[in-house]
């Protein structure tokens, strides 16, 4: 029970942060590019609560139809109340209301924000109107100000979303679909870009915080028979000085260099009987632990604890180095498994929760942030791949439209591709989750 609570308690806020940051990229870029943002939601519906903000001017004219109101003269009476507005856009780019509908008051005990109310039957042409709603801030001569940007907090505490106007209908005013391919590309790529930037920020902060590090002489205590180290003539008692030109001060640094250089020749500088020797070792992939190994057991002698931190002008460039190394380690793990004829083990939500819980329990905040870095990198990569329903799938259609000189793929066909892709994605998650449950029932750890 305690393990499950740690897993859930560490993963849920982590995913919430990562997805909200991802969605903030879409939100900020859409607003900067003139796309109408209707809602920024934290978590997934049903809605717990929300509030409206913003100051959107909306004009009214003789063609404006009122529902629940006798006419424009009643607008001052409903200042502060919620209305649903369907607007068009005039030649000057001003929003002009075609329908103003007073939201009905909810029944006793029913939250107003959760109530879904039916509109009157839609008339021809109204499908191309901007549907926005909010609270009336003020009323002027022939216009009113609408607070129609909704920030919501929802009951399902995993993830978030941004609701944009007219994502598939280019006729809707200020819609995403009405913008050019360049604008849509920037709005769609902004989410993955935020997930790519986040690891740089985390690494920068971590490198600037003083940390106690154990350093000393890394001595080879055991060399396995028939291993890569044995073939390279590594001996018990050798002191590892460098691996591929990097100074080795502890086991963590040595392990990192082995995994980064897995499958290729790694130069290993050792001290033996007072002499320095350069040995060539080729790490091999171990499918059981999903790591690259050379077949030695090292121990740290003459240990000292030192406090280390970096100034910001060093931490920023080194954050790029650390992020790149993280990408290389992911690539090495996948490539090693494939090279050994086994499929890489992918984890679904259950497996990710167990991994996050184990690492957080063993390594505290630093471990939790490390998982966050890895998940953020994976989200960035996953969301730029041309997978239907995800950002990369939508970017693919935008690029395809650009290559076809502005000729769009019909919305219904693109929607069908995304629907099929979504079904396959959910099916894949279910299959991976079944494997996760099987691993849990067998009592096996995802960390080897």
Protein backbone atom coordinates (compact mmCIF):
# COMPACT_ATOMS: atom_id res chain seq x y z
CA UNK A 1 0.00 0.00 0.00
CA UNK A 2 2.80 2.40 0.91
CA UNK A 3 4.59 1.67 -2.38
CA UNK A 4 1.42 2.37 -4.35
CA UNK A 5 0.86 5.66 -2.52
CA UNK A 6 4.44 6.76 -3.21
CA UNK A 7 4.08 5.80 -6.87
CA UNK A 8 0.81 7.68 -7.34
CA UNK A 9 1.83 10.61 -5.16
CA UNK A 10 5.06 11.12 -7.10
CA UNK A 11 3.77 10.51 -10.65
CA UNK A 12 0.49 12.46 -10.63
CA UNK A 13 1.99 15.89 -9.79
CA UNK A 14 4.90 15.20 -12.13
CA UNK A 15 2.65 14.43 -15.10
CA UNK A 16 0.45 17.40 -14.22
CA UNK A 17 3.44 19.75 -14.32
CA UNK A 18 4.83 18.30 -17.57
CA UNK A 19 1.52 18.41 -19.44
CA UNK A 20 0.53 21.85 -18.16
CA UNK A 21 3.91 23.22 -19.29
CA UNK A 22 3.35 21.52 -22.66
CA UNK A 23 -0.10 23.05 -23.02
CA UNK A 24 1.18 26.45 -21.90
CA UNK A 25 3.41 26.41 -24.99
CA UNK A 26 0.34 25.98 -27.23
CA UNK A 27 -1.60 28.57 -25.22
CA UNK A 28 1.03 31.33 -25.24
CA UNK A 29 1.93 30.85 -28.90
CA UNK A 30 -1.74 30.77 -30.00
CA UNK A 31 -2.48 34.03 -28.20
CA UNK A 32 0.65 35.65 -29.63
CA UNK A 33 -0.42 34.59 -33.13
CA UNK A 34 -3.96 35.92 -32.85
CA UNK A 35 -5.71 32.58 -32.39
CA UNK A 36 -8.69 32.76 -30.05
CA UNK A 37 -8.07 30.67 -26.92
CA UNK A 38 -11.32 29.65 -25.25
CA UNK A 39 -10.08 27.61 -22.29
CA UNK A 40 -6.91 26.58 -20.48
CA UNK A 41 -7.69 23.55 -18.36
CA UNK A 42 -5.65 21.90 -15.63
CA UNK A 43 -6.61 18.24 -15.37
CA UNK A 44 -9.37 16.68 -17.45
CA UNK A 45 -13.17 17.12 -17.13
CA UNK A 46 -15.52 16.96 -15.38
CA UNK A 47 -14.82 20.50 -14.23
CA UNK A 48 -14.34 21.24 -10.54
CA UNK A 49 -14.32 25.02 -10.86
CA UNK A 50 -13.14 27.79 -13.13
CA UNK A 51 -13.08 31.53 -13.63
CA UNK A 52 -13.40 33.83 -16.61
CA UNK A 53 -11.02 36.64 -17.44
CA UNK A 54 -10.19 38.84 -20.41
CA UNK A 55 -11.71 41.89 -22.08
CA UNK A 56 -13.09 40.99 -25.50
CA UNK A 57 -15.09 43.74 -27.21
CA UNK A 58 -18.19 42.44 -29.00
CA UNK A 59 -20.39 44.65 -31.21
CA UNK A 60 -24.15 44.24 -31.56
CA UNK A 61 -26.31 45.37 -34.46
CA UNK A 62 -29.79 44.95 -35.87
CA UNK A 63 -29.05 41.36 -36.93
CA UNK A 64 -28.06 40.24 -33.42
CA UNK A 65 -30.49 37.63 -32.07
CA UNK A 66 -31.11 37.43 -28.33
CA UNK A 67 -32.12 34.26 -26.45
CA UNK A 68 -33.33 34.59 -22.87
CA UNK A 69 -33.20 38.37 -23.24
CA UNK A 70 -35.72 40.74 -24.79
CA UNK A 71 -33.00 42.77 -26.52
CA UNK A 72 -29.88 44.92 -26.07
CA UNK A 73 -31.62 47.09 -23.50
CA UNK A 74 -31.42 44.19 -21.02
CA UNK A 75 -27.62 43.80 -21.27
CA UNK A 76 -26.86 46.26 -18.42
CA UNK A 77 -29.05 44.13 -16.15
CA UNK A 78 -26.91 41.01 -16.65
CA UNK A 79 -23.46 42.51 -16.00
CA UNK A 80 -21.51 39.81 -14.15
CA UNK A 81 -23.66 36.99 -15.50
CA UNK A 82 -22.62 34.33 -17.99
CA UNK A 83 -23.74 34.45 -21.61
CA UNK A 84 -23.06 32.34 -24.67
CA UNK A 85 -22.17 34.36 -27.75
CA UNK A 86 -21.87 33.34 -31.40
CA UNK A 87 -19.93 35.97 -33.33
CA UNK A 88 -18.86 36.80 -36.84
CA UNK A 89 -16.12 39.23 -37.83
CA UNK A 90 -16.57 42.46 -39.81
CA UNK A 91 -14.22 43.93 -42.41
CA UNK A 92 -12.28 45.80 -39.71
CA UNK A 93 -11.64 42.61 -37.71
CA UNK A 94 -14.18 43.42 -34.98
CA UNK A 95 -16.30 40.66 -33.47
CA UNK A 96 -20.02 41.18 -34.10
CA UNK A 97 -22.52 39.11 -32.11
CA UNK A 98 -25.06 37.17 -34.11
CA UNK A 99 -26.47 35.30 -31.10
CA UNK A 100 -26.40 36.37 -27.45
CA UNK A 101 -27.84 33.70 -25.15
CA UNK A 102 -28.28 34.13 -21.44
CA UNK A 103 -27.08 31.01 -19.64
CA UNK A 104 -29.84 29.58 -17.51
CA UNK A 105 -29.28 29.43 -13.80
CA UNK A 106 -28.45 25.89 -12.60
CA UNK A 107 -30.67 23.92 -10.33
CA UNK A 108 -29.96 23.95 -6.60
CA UNK A 109 -26.68 22.16 -5.86
CA UNK A 110 -25.62 22.03 -9.52
CA UNK A 111 -22.40 23.96 -10.34
CA UNK A 112 -22.99 26.49 -13.08
CA UNK A 113 -19.66 25.69 -14.73
CA UNK A 114 -20.54 22.01 -15.13
CA UNK A 115 -23.97 22.50 -16.67
CA UNK A 116 -24.24 21.72 -20.42
CA UNK A 117 -27.15 23.58 -21.92
CA UNK A 118 -28.67 22.95 -25.34
CA UNK A 119 -28.85 25.76 -27.83
CA UNK A 120 -31.71 26.35 -30.19
CA UNK A 121 -31.56 24.41 -33.42
CA UNK A 122 -28.62 25.64 -35.46
CA UNK A 123 -29.47 27.71 -38.51
CA UNK A 124 -27.61 27.55 -41.85
CA UNK A 125 -24.31 29.41 -41.65
CA UNK A 126 -24.13 29.40 -37.86
CA UNK A 127 -21.57 26.57 -37.90
CA UNK A 128 -19.05 29.16 -39.10
CA UNK A 129 -19.56 31.47 -36.11
CA UNK A 130 -17.11 31.85 -33.24
CA UNK A 131 -18.68 30.17 -30.22
CA UNK A 132 -17.40 31.82 -27.06
CA UNK A 133 -18.90 32.36 -23.64
CA UNK A 134 -18.10 34.23 -20.49
CA UNK A 135 -19.28 36.94 -18.13
CA UNK A 136 -20.42 40.37 -19.24
CA UNK A 137 -18.00 42.94 -17.82
CA UNK A 138 -19.53 46.16 -19.07
CA UNK A 139 -22.00 47.47 -21.64
CA UNK A 140 -21.52 50.40 -24.02
CA UNK A 141 -23.40 51.95 -26.90
CA UNK A 142 -23.85 49.15 -29.42
CA UNK A 143 -21.30 46.85 -27.76
CA UNK A 144 -20.33 45.00 -24.61
CA UNK A 145 -17.13 43.66 -23.06
CA UNK A 146 -16.98 39.90 -22.50
CA UNK A 147 -14.61 38.05 -20.17
CA UNK A 148 -14.44 34.91 -22.31
CA UNK A 149 -11.09 33.31 -21.40
CA UNK A 150 -11.83 30.39 -19.08
CA UNK A 151 -9.20 28.98 -16.73
CA UNK A 152 -10.51 25.73 -15.32
CA UNK A 153 -9.45 23.14 -12.77
CA UNK A 154 -10.85 19.69 -13.47
CA UNK A 155 -11.40 16.59 -11.38
CA UNK A 156 -9.12 14.16 -13.27
CA UNK A 157 -5.73 15.40 -11.98
CA UNK A 158 -3.54 14.12 -14.82
CA UNK A 159 -2.65 16.44 -17.65
CA UNK A 160 -4.31 19.50 -19.08
CA UNK A 161 -5.63 20.94 -22.31
CA UNK A 162 -6.06 24.11 -24.34
CA UNK A 163 -9.31 24.67 -26.25
CA UNK A 164 -8.84 26.82 -29.35
CA UNK A 165 -11.46 28.30 -31.63
CA UNK A 166 -12.17 26.46 -34.88
CA UNK A 167 -9.38 23.89 -34.83
CA UNK A 168 -10.85 22.23 -37.94
CA UNK A 169 -13.03 24.97 -39.45
CA UNK A 170 -11.16 27.79 -41.24
CA UNK A 171 -14.37 29.83 -41.61
CA UNK A 172 -14.61 30.49 -37.86
CA UNK A 173 -13.25 33.95 -36.98
CA UNK A 174 -9.85 33.98 -35.23
CA UNK A 175 -9.67 30.20 -35.51
CA UNK A 176 -6.54 28.09 -35.67
CA UNK A 177 -7.65 26.54 -38.97
CA UNK A 178 -7.98 29.99 -40.57
CA UNK A 179 -4.30 30.78 -40.05
CA UNK A 180 -1.49 30.02 -42.49
CA UNK A 181 0.66 26.91 -42.33
CA UNK A 182 3.49 28.81 -40.63
CA UNK A 183 1.29 30.00 -37.77
CA UNK A 184 -0.31 26.60 -37.25
CA UNK A 185 3.12 24.92 -37.31
CA UNK A 186 4.40 27.27 -34.60
CA UNK A 187 1.33 26.77 -32.41
CA UNK A 188 1.58 22.98 -32.71
CA UNK A 189 5.35 22.73 -32.23
CA UNK A 190 5.31 25.04 -29.19
CA UNK A 191 4.11 22.26 -26.85
CA UNK A 192 6.92 19.78 -27.62
CA UNK A 193 9.38 22.68 -27.60
CA UNK A 194 8.41 23.54 -24.02
CA UNK A 195 9.03 19.91 -23.01
CA UNK A 196 12.44 20.12 -24.67
CA UNK A 197 13.31 23.35 -22.85
CA UNK A 198 12.19 22.14 -19.40
CA UNK A 199 15.10 19.66 -18.92
CA UNK A 200 17.54 22.48 -19.68
CA UNK A 201 15.98 24.61 -16.95
CA UNK A 202 15.94 21.75 -14.42
CA UNK A 203 19.55 20.79 -15.14
CA UNK A 204 20.62 24.44 -14.86
CA UNK A 205 19.02 24.76 -11.42
CA UNK A 206 20.40 21.42 -10.21
CA UNK A 207 23.92 22.31 -11.34
CA UNK A 208 23.74 25.61 -9.46
CA UNK A 209 22.56 24.03 -6.18
CA UNK A 210 25.48 22.87 -3.96
CA UNK A 211 25.53 19.08 -3.74
CA UNK A 212 27.65 16.73 -1.67
CA UNK A 213 29.48 14.33 -3.97
CA UNK A 214 31.54 11.27 -2.96
CA UNK A 215 34.81 11.16 -4.89
CA UNK A 216 37.87 8.97 -4.64
CA UNK A 217 39.90 6.28 -6.45
CA UNK A 218 37.79 3.79 -8.40
CA UNK A 219 39.51 0.43 -7.94
CA UNK A 220 38.55 -2.72 -9.89
CA UNK A 221 37.60 -5.31 -7.26
CA UNK A 222 36.50 -8.11 -9.60
CA UNK A 223 36.68 -8.96 -13.31
CA UNK A 224 34.22 -11.48 -14.72
CA UNK A 225 35.47 -14.33 -16.91
CA UNK A 226 34.77 -13.96 -20.63
CA UNK A 227 33.61 -10.37 -20.22
CA UNK A 228 34.56 -7.33 -22.26
CA UNK A 229 36.89 -6.21 -19.46
CA UNK A 230 38.63 -9.60 -19.33
CA UNK A 231 39.20 -9.52 -23.09
CA UNK A 232 40.67 -6.02 -22.76
CA UNK A 233 43.13 -7.28 -20.10
CA UNK A 234 41.61 -5.31 -17.23
CA UNK A 235 43.05 -6.64 -13.94
CA UNK A 236 41.88 -6.69 -10.34
CA UNK A 237 43.50 -3.75 -8.55
CA UNK A 238 43.52 -1.46 -11.60
CA UNK A 239 42.62 2.13 -10.74
CA UNK A 240 40.34 3.71 -13.35
CA UNK A 241 41.59 7.22 -14.13
CA UNK A 242 39.67 8.07 -17.29
CA UNK A 243 37.01 6.61 -19.62
CA UNK A 244 36.98 8.04 -23.14
CA UNK A 245 38.91 11.06 -21.94
CA UNK A 246 36.55 11.82 -19.02
CA UNK A 247 38.05 11.83 -15.52
CA UNK A 248 36.49 9.12 -13.34
CA UNK A 249 35.95 9.98 -9.67
CA UNK A 250 33.17 7.58 -8.67
CA UNK A 251 30.99 4.71 -9.86
CA UNK A 252 28.29 6.98 -11.27
CA UNK A 253 30.69 8.64 -13.70
CA UNK A 254 32.12 5.28 -14.74
CA UNK A 255 28.66 3.77 -15.32
CA UNK A 256 27.57 6.79 -17.38
CA UNK A 257 30.57 6.53 -19.69
CA UNK A 258 30.03 2.78 -20.15
CA UNK A 259 26.40 3.32 -21.16
CA UNK A 260 27.17 6.26 -23.45
CA UNK A 261 29.91 4.29 -25.24
CA UNK A 262 28.05 0.98 -25.30
CA UNK A 263 28.65 -1.04 -28.45
CA UNK A 264 31.68 1.00 -29.47
CA UNK A 265 35.30 1.00 -28.39
CA UNK A 266 35.89 2.85 -25.14
CA UNK A 267 39.36 4.01 -24.14
CA UNK A 268 39.99 3.22 -20.51
CA UNK A 269 43.04 4.75 -18.82
CA UNK A 270 44.07 2.79 -15.72
CA UNK A 271 46.89 2.91 -13.22
CA UNK A 272 48.59 -0.43 -12.54
CA UNK A 273 51.70 -0.85 -10.35
CA UNK A 274 52.46 2.84 -10.65
CA UNK A 275 52.19 2.86 -14.46
CA UNK A 276 49.41 4.27 -16.65
CA UNK A 277 47.97 1.91 -19.26
CA UNK A 278 45.48 2.65 -22.05
CA UNK A 279 43.06 -0.26 -22.52
CA UNK A 280 40.38 -0.61 -25.19
CA UNK A 281 37.06 -1.99 -23.93
CA UNK A 282 33.85 -2.60 -25.88
CA UNK A 283 30.84 -2.58 -23.47
CA UNK A 284 28.19 -5.25 -24.09
CA UNK A 285 24.45 -4.91 -23.60
CA UNK A 286 22.89 -6.97 -20.81
CA UNK A 287 19.23 -7.68 -21.59
CA UNK A 288 18.34 -8.59 -18.00
CA UNK A 289 19.37 -5.25 -16.50
CA UNK A 290 18.85 -3.29 -19.77
CA UNK A 291 22.29 -1.72 -19.36
CA UNK A 292 25.68 -1.76 -21.02
CA UNK A 293 28.31 -3.57 -18.95
CA UNK A 294 32.01 -4.30 -19.17
CA UNK A 295 31.98 -7.07 -16.56
CA UNK A 296 33.72 -5.52 -13.57
CA UNK A 297 32.80 -4.75 -9.97
CA UNK A 298 34.47 -1.47 -8.93
CA UNK A 299 34.89 -0.06 -5.41
CA UNK A 300 35.64 3.47 -4.28
CA UNK A 301 38.72 3.96 -2.06
CA UNK A 302 40.03 7.06 -0.28
CA UNK A 303 36.56 8.54 -0.31
CA UNK A 304 36.07 12.22 0.38
CA UNK A 305 32.85 14.23 0.34
CA UNK A 306 33.04 17.50 -1.56
CA UNK A 307 30.39 20.14 -2.13
CA UNK A 308 30.05 21.18 -5.76
CA UNK A 309 28.00 23.77 -7.62
CA UNK A 310 28.39 25.76 -10.81
CA UNK A 311 27.86 29.44 -11.59
CA UNK A 312 25.06 30.16 -14.01
CA UNK A 313 27.42 30.87 -16.92
CA UNK A 314 28.73 27.31 -16.61
CA UNK A 315 25.46 25.66 -15.58
CA UNK A 316 23.58 26.80 -18.71
CA UNK A 317 25.96 25.29 -21.31
CA UNK A 318 26.41 22.16 -19.17
CA UNK A 319 22.62 21.74 -19.05
CA UNK A 320 22.73 21.26 -22.83
CA UNK A 321 25.49 18.67 -22.41
CA UNK A 322 23.54 16.77 -19.75
CA UNK A 323 20.32 16.84 -21.79
CA UNK A 324 22.15 15.56 -24.85
CA UNK A 325 23.71 12.76 -22.79
CA UNK A 326 20.24 11.82 -21.56
CA UNK A 327 19.07 11.51 -25.17
CA UNK A 328 22.12 9.39 -26.00
CA UNK A 329 21.42 7.10 -23.02
CA UNK A 330 17.83 6.56 -24.19
CA UNK A 331 19.04 5.80 -27.70
CA UNK A 332 21.70 3.43 -26.34
CA UNK A 333 19.18 1.50 -24.24
CA UNK A 334 16.83 1.00 -27.20
CA UNK A 335 19.65 0.25 -29.65
CA UNK A 336 21.26 -2.22 -27.27
CA UNK A 337 18.06 -4.19 -26.81
CA UNK A 338 17.41 -4.34 -30.55
CA UNK A 339 21.01 -5.31 -31.24
CA UNK A 340 20.69 -8.25 -28.87
CA UNK A 341 17.57 -9.47 -30.67
CA UNK A 342 15.15 -8.49 -27.89
CA UNK A 343 12.47 -5.83 -27.98
CA UNK A 344 12.88 -2.81 -25.71
CA UNK A 345 10.58 -2.90 -22.68
CA UNK A 346 8.11 -0.05 -22.87
CA UNK A 347 6.10 1.02 -19.85
CA UNK A 348 2.56 2.33 -19.68
CA UNK A 349 1.07 4.50 -16.92
CA UNK A 350 1.34 1.69 -14.36
CA UNK A 351 4.99 0.96 -15.12
CA UNK A 352 5.90 4.65 -15.19
CA UNK A 353 4.22 5.10 -11.81
CA UNK A 354 6.22 2.20 -10.33
CA UNK A 355 9.50 3.54 -11.76
CA UNK A 356 8.77 7.05 -10.47
CA UNK A 357 7.86 5.72 -7.04
CA UNK A 358 10.97 3.54 -6.73
CA UNK A 359 13.36 6.26 -7.85
CA UNK A 360 11.69 8.90 -5.66
CA UNK A 361 11.80 6.61 -2.63
CA UNK A 362 15.49 5.80 -3.18
CA UNK A 363 16.79 9.18 -4.33
CA UNK A 364 14.36 11.79 -3.04
CA UNK A 365 13.84 15.08 -4.86
CA UNK A 366 16.84 14.63 -7.13
CA UNK A 367 15.54 11.28 -8.31
CA UNK A 368 12.04 12.72 -8.80
CA UNK A 369 13.42 15.58 -10.89
CA UNK A 370 15.55 13.09 -12.85
CA UNK A 371 12.43 11.15 -13.81
CA UNK A 372 10.80 14.46 -14.74
CA UNK A 373 13.69 15.26 -17.07
CA UNK A 374 13.46 11.87 -18.75
CA UNK A 375 9.67 12.00 -19.12
CA UNK A 376 9.82 15.55 -20.49
CA UNK A 377 12.37 14.50 -23.12
CA UNK A 378 10.21 11.51 -24.04
CA UNK A 379 7.11 13.71 -24.32
CA UNK A 380 8.98 16.11 -26.60
CA UNK A 381 10.16 13.29 -28.86
CA UNK A 382 6.81 11.48 -28.87
CA UNK A 383 4.93 14.64 -29.76
CA UNK A 384 7.04 15.51 -32.79
CA UNK A 385 6.75 12.05 -34.32
CA UNK A 386 4.05 11.80 -37.04
CA UNK A 387 1.66 9.87 -34.79
CA UNK A 388 -2.04 10.58 -35.51
CA UNK A 389 -3.92 12.45 -32.78
CA UNK A 390 -0.71 13.79 -31.24
CA UNK A 391 0.96 17.09 -32.12
CA UNK A 392 3.33 15.40 -34.55
CA UNK A 393 0.45 13.89 -36.50
CA UNK A 394 -1.20 17.29 -36.85
CA UNK A 395 2.13 18.90 -37.77
CA UNK A 396 2.48 16.25 -40.50
CA UNK A 397 -0.76 17.42 -42.13
CA UNK A 398 0.32 21.07 -41.88
CA UNK A 399 3.64 20.28 -43.57
CA UNK A 400 1.80 18.20 -46.18
CA UNK A 401 -0.49 21.16 -46.89
CA UNK A 402 2.56 23.42 -47.28
CA UNK A 403 4.17 20.92 -49.68
CA UNK A 404 0.92 20.84 -51.70
CA UNK A 405 1.11 24.65 -52.05
CA UNK A 406 -1.76 25.35 -49.69
CA UNK A 407 -4.07 22.55 -50.82
CA UNK A 408 -5.61 21.18 -47.63
CA UNK A 409 -6.47 17.59 -46.86
CA UNK A 410 -10.27 17.47 -46.30
CA UNK A 411 -11.06 17.89 -42.61
CA UNK A 412 -13.16 14.71 -42.49
CA UNK A 413 -10.30 12.62 -43.91
CA UNK A 414 -7.76 14.08 -41.51
CA UNK A 415 -10.20 13.54 -38.65
CA UNK A 416 -10.62 9.88 -39.63
CA UNK A 417 -6.83 9.37 -39.61
CA UNK A 418 -6.61 10.90 -36.14
CA UNK A 419 -9.51 8.77 -34.91
CA UNK A 420 -7.91 5.56 -36.16
CA UNK A 421 -4.56 6.63 -34.70
CA UNK A 422 -6.22 7.39 -31.37
CA UNK A 423 -7.82 3.93 -31.29
CA UNK A 424 -4.46 2.28 -32.04
CA UNK A 425 -2.74 4.42 -29.41
CA UNK A 426 -5.25 3.45 -26.74
CA UNK A 427 -4.93 -0.20 -27.77
CA UNK A 428 -1.15 0.01 -27.45
CA UNK A 429 -1.43 1.58 -24.00
CA UNK A 430 -3.78 -1.20 -22.89
CA UNK A 431 -1.37 -3.91 -24.12
CA UNK A 432 1.60 -2.28 -22.42
CA UNK A 433 -0.42 -1.85 -19.23
CA UNK A 434 -1.28 -5.57 -19.24
CA UNK A 435 2.46 -6.29 -19.35
CA UNK A 436 2.99 -3.80 -16.50
CA UNK A 437 0.38 -5.55 -14.36
CA UNK A 438 1.97 -8.93 -15.12
CA UNK A 439 5.35 -7.60 -14.02
CA UNK A 440 3.84 -6.23 -10.81
CA UNK A 441 2.12 -9.54 -9.99
CA UNK A 442 5.44 -11.33 -10.50
CA UNK A 443 7.09 -8.88 -8.11
CA UNK A 444 9.67 -7.74 -10.66
CA UNK A 445 11.09 -4.22 -10.58
CA UNK A 446 11.23 -2.08 -13.70
CA UNK A 447 14.70 -0.94 -12.66
CA UNK A 448 16.25 -4.39 -12.82
